[in-house]
């Protein structure tokens, strides 16, 4: 059994990124995706828009390898899993595919802006500077969890 404590088990709210930053991420990343697609279309002469291919590749590659997209890099935020660590490939792939659900962006409009792609993949977008504090809280909770047995 895993003795690690999960973010979802913490009693206090984890400060995830607010709606304004989510909008900024979407805007910056969207512009980059369109530019990459247009550039590829110039060289490949494909008769359909490449955004449908570039969009998932962009998110999977950036979030898996760097834990952030360029939009998140600008806001100094990152994607972590339920243990406050780097997510595995299947989690990032699920997170990306969930973005294709109609009206999914509207799910990011609550106070702490945890969209369906975050909730259902058990990921969090947090400020980079908050990560050490979060990991310390999780470690402390794990110690108390094992000592209470």
C-alpha atoms as a PDB file:
ATOM      1  CA  UNK A   1       0.000   0.000   0.000  1.00  0.00           C
ATOM      2  CA  UNK A   2       1.199   3.505  -0.840  1.00  0.00           C
ATOM      3  CA  UNK A   3       2.044   5.594   2.250  1.00  0.00           C
ATOM      4  CA  UNK A   4       2.287   8.812   0.276  1.00  0.00           C
ATOM      5  CA  UNK A   5      -0.278  11.455   1.089  1.00  0.00           C
ATOM      6  CA  UNK A   6      -2.284  12.926  -1.794  1.00  0.00           C
ATOM      7  CA  UNK A   7      -3.134  16.561  -2.462  1.00  0.00           C
ATOM      8  CA  UNK A   8      -6.790  15.509  -2.707  1.00  0.00           C
ATOM      9  CA  UNK A   9      -6.562  14.256   0.913  1.00  0.00           C
ATOM     10  CA  UNK A  10      -5.356  17.577   2.325  1.00  0.00           C
ATOM     11  CA  UNK A  11      -7.863  19.362   4.526  1.00  0.00           C
ATOM     12  CA  UNK A  12      -6.931  22.861   3.315  1.00  0.00           C
ATOM     13  CA  UNK A  13      -7.534  24.148  -0.194  1.00  0.00           C
ATOM     14  CA  UNK A  14      -4.519  23.984  -2.478  1.00  0.00           C
ATOM     15  CA  UNK A  15      -4.104  27.366  -4.189  1.00  0.00           C
ATOM     16  CA  UNK A  16      -4.362  26.492  -7.848  1.00  0.00           C
ATOM     17  CA  UNK A  17      -4.128  29.026 -10.653  1.00  0.00           C
ATOM     18  CA  UNK A  18      -6.914  31.590 -10.914  1.00  0.00           C
ATOM     19  CA  UNK A  19      -9.198  32.157 -13.915  1.00  0.00           C
ATOM     20  CA  UNK A  20      -7.229  35.138 -15.244  1.00  0.00           C
ATOM     21  CA  UNK A  21      -4.074  33.085 -15.543  1.00  0.00           C
ATOM     22  CA  UNK A  22      -6.011  30.214 -17.146  1.00  0.00           C
ATOM     23  CA  UNK A  23      -7.257  32.629 -19.794  1.00  0.00           C
ATOM     24  CA  UNK A  24      -3.717  33.945 -20.328  1.00  0.00           C
ATOM     25  CA  UNK A  25      -2.364  30.386 -20.717  1.00  0.00           C
ATOM     26  CA  UNK A  26      -5.092  29.528 -23.233  1.00  0.00           C
ATOM     27  CA  UNK A  27      -4.477  32.712 -25.217  1.00  0.00           C
ATOM     28  CA  UNK A  28      -0.678  32.356 -25.392  1.00  0.00           C
ATOM     29  CA  UNK A  29      -0.762  28.604 -26.077  1.00  0.00           C
ATOM     30  CA  UNK A  30      -3.571  29.018 -28.615  1.00  0.00           C
ATOM     31  CA  UNK A  31      -1.616  31.631 -30.565  1.00  0.00           C
ATOM     32  CA  UNK A  32       1.480  29.407 -30.584  1.00  0.00           C
ATOM     33  CA  UNK A  33      -0.560  26.381 -31.732  1.00  0.00           C
ATOM     34  CA  UNK A  34      -2.074  28.370 -34.611  1.00  0.00           C
ATOM     35  CA  UNK A  35       1.343  29.734 -35.629  1.00  0.00           C
ATOM     36  CA  UNK A  36       2.932  26.254 -35.585  1.00  0.00           C
ATOM     37  CA  UNK A  37       0.008  24.879 -37.624  1.00  0.00           C
ATOM     38  CA  UNK A  38       0.212  27.662 -40.202  1.00  0.00           C
ATOM     39  CA  UNK A  39       3.971  27.247 -40.496  1.00  0.00           C
ATOM     40  CA  UNK A  40       3.617  23.481 -41.006  1.00  0.00           C
ATOM     41  CA  UNK A  41       0.857  24.037 -43.584  1.00  0.00           C
ATOM     42  CA  UNK A  42       3.242  26.282 -45.540  1.00  0.00           C
ATOM     43  CA  UNK A  43       5.717  23.425 -45.916  1.00  0.00           C
ATOM     44  CA  UNK A  44       3.475  20.365 -46.019  1.00  0.00           C
ATOM     45  CA  UNK A  45       0.600  21.691 -48.213  1.00  0.00           C
ATOM     46  CA  UNK A  46      -2.001  19.600 -46.398  1.00  0.00           C
ATOM     47  CA  UNK A  47      -5.608  20.290 -47.332  1.00  0.00           C
ATOM     48  CA  UNK A  48      -6.894  20.433 -43.747  1.00  0.00           C
ATOM     49  CA  UNK A  49      -6.049  22.462 -40.697  1.00  0.00           C
ATOM     50  CA  UNK A  50      -3.269  20.980 -38.616  1.00  0.00           C
ATOM     51  CA  UNK A  51      -4.488  22.388 -35.297  1.00  0.00           C
ATOM     52  CA  UNK A  52      -6.312  19.103 -34.622  1.00  0.00           C
ATOM     53  CA  UNK A  53      -2.904  17.352 -34.653  1.00  0.00           C
ATOM     54  CA  UNK A  54      -0.707  20.135 -33.260  1.00  0.00           C
ATOM     55  CA  UNK A  55      -3.023  20.875 -30.287  1.00  0.00           C
ATOM     56  CA  UNK A  56      -2.687  17.485 -28.530  1.00  0.00           C
ATOM     57  CA  UNK A  57       0.997  17.085 -29.451  1.00  0.00           C
ATOM     58  CA  UNK A  58       1.745  20.548 -28.064  1.00  0.00           C
ATOM     59  CA  UNK A  59       0.111  19.880 -24.701  1.00  0.00           C
ATOM     60  CA  UNK A  60       1.372  16.314 -24.314  1.00  0.00           C
ATOM     61  CA  UNK A  61       4.978  17.155 -25.192  1.00  0.00           C
ATOM     62  CA  UNK A  62       5.245  20.344 -23.157  1.00  0.00           C
ATOM     63  CA  UNK A  63       3.361  19.119 -20.080  1.00  0.00           C
ATOM     64  CA  UNK A  64       5.027  15.708 -20.022  1.00  0.00           C
ATOM     65  CA  UNK A  65       8.613  16.812 -20.553  1.00  0.00           C
ATOM     66  CA  UNK A  66       8.583  20.287 -18.954  1.00  0.00           C
ATOM     67  CA  UNK A  67       5.484  20.192 -16.686  1.00  0.00           C
ATOM     68  CA  UNK A  68       4.354  23.396 -18.374  1.00  0.00           C
ATOM     69  CA  UNK A  69       3.464  24.984 -21.681  1.00  0.00           C
ATOM     70  CA  UNK A  70       4.941  28.332 -22.790  1.00  0.00           C
ATOM     71  CA  UNK A  71       1.822  30.018 -21.384  1.00  0.00           C
ATOM     72  CA  UNK A  72       2.406  28.405 -17.998  1.00  0.00           C
ATOM     73  CA  UNK A  73       6.115  29.208 -18.202  1.00  0.00           C
ATOM     74  CA  UNK A  74       5.319  32.925 -18.508  1.00  0.00           C
ATOM     75  CA  UNK A  75       3.089  32.799 -15.405  1.00  0.00           C
ATOM     76  CA  UNK A  76       5.611  30.628 -13.512  1.00  0.00           C
ATOM     77  CA  UNK A  77       3.088  27.842 -13.039  1.00  0.00           C
ATOM     78  CA  UNK A  78       3.347  24.096 -13.532  1.00  0.00           C
ATOM     79  CA  UNK A  79       1.335  20.878 -13.693  1.00  0.00           C
ATOM     80  CA  UNK A  80       1.713  18.371 -10.841  1.00  0.00           C
ATOM     81  CA  UNK A  81      -0.053  15.110 -10.065  1.00  0.00           C
ATOM     82  CA  UNK A  82      -1.991  14.244  -6.901  1.00  0.00           C
ATOM     83  CA  UNK A  83       1.313  13.628  -5.063  1.00  0.00           C
ATOM     84  CA  UNK A  84       2.804  17.011  -6.007  1.00  0.00           C
ATOM     85  CA  UNK A  85       5.140  15.355  -8.510  1.00  0.00           C
ATOM     86  CA  UNK A  86       5.648  15.161 -12.266  1.00  0.00           C
ATOM     87  CA  UNK A  87       2.749  13.344 -13.930  1.00  0.00           C
ATOM     88  CA  UNK A  88       3.330  10.190 -15.943  1.00  0.00           C
ATOM     89  CA  UNK A  89       2.684  10.027 -19.675  1.00  0.00           C
ATOM     90  CA  UNK A  90      -0.761   8.393 -19.442  1.00  0.00           C
ATOM     91  CA  UNK A  91      -1.983  11.059 -17.013  1.00  0.00           C
ATOM     92  CA  UNK A  92      -0.803  13.875 -19.296  1.00  0.00           C
ATOM     93  CA  UNK A  93      -2.360  12.144 -22.304  1.00  0.00           C
ATOM     94  CA  UNK A  94      -5.686  11.818 -20.446  1.00  0.00           C
ATOM     95  CA  UNK A  95      -5.454  15.464 -19.326  1.00  0.00           C
ATOM     96  CA  UNK A  96      -4.928  16.518 -22.951  1.00  0.00           C
ATOM     97  CA  UNK A  97      -7.728  14.376 -24.384  1.00  0.00           C
ATOM     98  CA  UNK A  98     -10.171  15.726 -21.780  1.00  0.00           C
ATOM     99  CA  UNK A  99      -9.592  19.206 -23.251  1.00  0.00           C
ATOM    100  CA  UNK A 100     -11.583  18.059 -26.317  1.00  0.00           C
ATOM    101  CA  UNK A 101     -14.841  17.784 -24.328  1.00  0.00           C
ATOM    102  CA  UNK A 102     -17.288  20.438 -25.555  1.00  0.00           C
ATOM    103  CA  UNK A 103     -17.532  23.411 -23.188  1.00  0.00           C
ATOM    104  CA  UNK A 104     -14.617  22.070 -21.108  1.00  0.00           C
ATOM    105  CA  UNK A 105     -12.977  25.528 -20.895  1.00  0.00           C
ATOM    106  CA  UNK A 106     -16.065  26.752 -19.030  1.00  0.00           C
ATOM    107  CA  UNK A 107     -15.271  24.282 -16.244  1.00  0.00           C
ATOM    108  CA  UNK A 108     -12.283  26.475 -15.319  1.00  0.00           C
ATOM    109  CA  UNK A 109     -14.435  29.407 -14.215  1.00  0.00           C
ATOM    110  CA  UNK A 110     -14.763  28.585 -10.491  1.00  0.00           C
ATOM    111  CA  UNK A 111     -12.749  30.296  -7.734  1.00  0.00           C
ATOM    112  CA  UNK A 112      -9.726  28.037  -7.805  1.00  0.00           C
ATOM    113  CA  UNK A 113     -10.084  27.284 -11.510  1.00  0.00           C
ATOM    114  CA  UNK A 114      -9.880  23.502 -11.472  1.00  0.00           C
ATOM    115  CA  UNK A 115     -11.226  22.426 -14.863  1.00  0.00           C
ATOM    116  CA  UNK A 116     -12.485  18.997 -15.828  1.00  0.00           C
ATOM    117  CA  UNK A 117      -9.127  18.185 -17.420  1.00  0.00           C
ATOM    118  CA  UNK A 118      -7.551  18.806 -13.985  1.00  0.00           C
ATOM    119  CA  UNK A 119     -10.187  17.099 -11.851  1.00  0.00           C
ATOM    120  CA  UNK A 120     -10.561  13.935 -13.911  1.00  0.00           C
ATOM    121  CA  UNK A 121      -6.829  13.466 -14.472  1.00  0.00           C
ATOM    122  CA  UNK A 122      -6.080  14.322 -10.804  1.00  0.00           C
ATOM    123  CA  UNK A 123      -3.641  17.071 -11.751  1.00  0.00           C
ATOM    124  CA  UNK A 124      -3.147  20.587 -10.429  1.00  0.00           C
ATOM    125  CA  UNK A 125      -1.775  23.782 -11.959  1.00  0.00           C
ATOM    126  CA  UNK A 126       0.101  25.578  -9.198  1.00  0.00           C
ATOM    127  CA  UNK A 127       2.584  28.397  -8.866  1.00  0.00           C
ATOM    128  CA  UNK A 128       6.129  27.111  -9.188  1.00  0.00           C
ATOM    129  CA  UNK A 129       7.048  28.908  -5.945  1.00  0.00           C
ATOM    130  CA  UNK A 130       4.332  26.988  -4.050  1.00  0.00           C
ATOM    131  CA  UNK A 131       5.719  23.541  -4.930  1.00  0.00           C
ATOM    132  CA  UNK A 132       8.279  23.243  -2.055  1.00  0.00           C
ATOM    133  CA  UNK A 133       5.621  24.234   0.509  1.00  0.00           C
ATOM    134  CA  UNK A 134       3.125  21.793  -0.998  1.00  0.00           C
ATOM    135  CA  UNK A 135       5.647  18.953  -0.988  1.00  0.00           C
ATOM    136  CA  UNK A 136       6.509  19.731   2.650  1.00  0.00           C
ATOM    137  CA  UNK A 137       2.820  19.630   3.631  1.00  0.00           C
ATOM    138  CA  UNK A 138       2.397  16.287   1.843  1.00  0.00           C
ATOM    139  CA  UNK A 139       5.506  14.856   3.517  1.00  0.00           C
ATOM    140  CA  UNK A 140       4.295  15.961   6.967  1.00  0.00           C
ATOM    141  CA  UNK A 141       0.867  14.428   6.335  1.00  0.00           C
ATOM    142  CA  UNK A 142       2.473  11.176   5.143  1.00  0.00           C
ATOM    143  CA  UNK A 143       4.532  10.973   8.347  1.00  0.00           C
ATOM    144  CA  UNK A 144       1.479  11.541  10.544  1.00  0.00           C
ATOM    145  CA  UNK A 145      -0.515   9.030   8.450  1.00  0.00           C
ATOM    146  CA  UNK A 146       2.066   6.294   9.046  1.00  0.00           C
ATOM    147  CA  UNK A 147       2.520   7.170  12.734  1.00  0.00           C
ATOM    148  CA  UNK A 148      -1.255   6.940  13.321  1.00  0.00           C
ATOM    149  CA  UNK A 149      -1.342   3.308  12.273  1.00  0.00           C
END
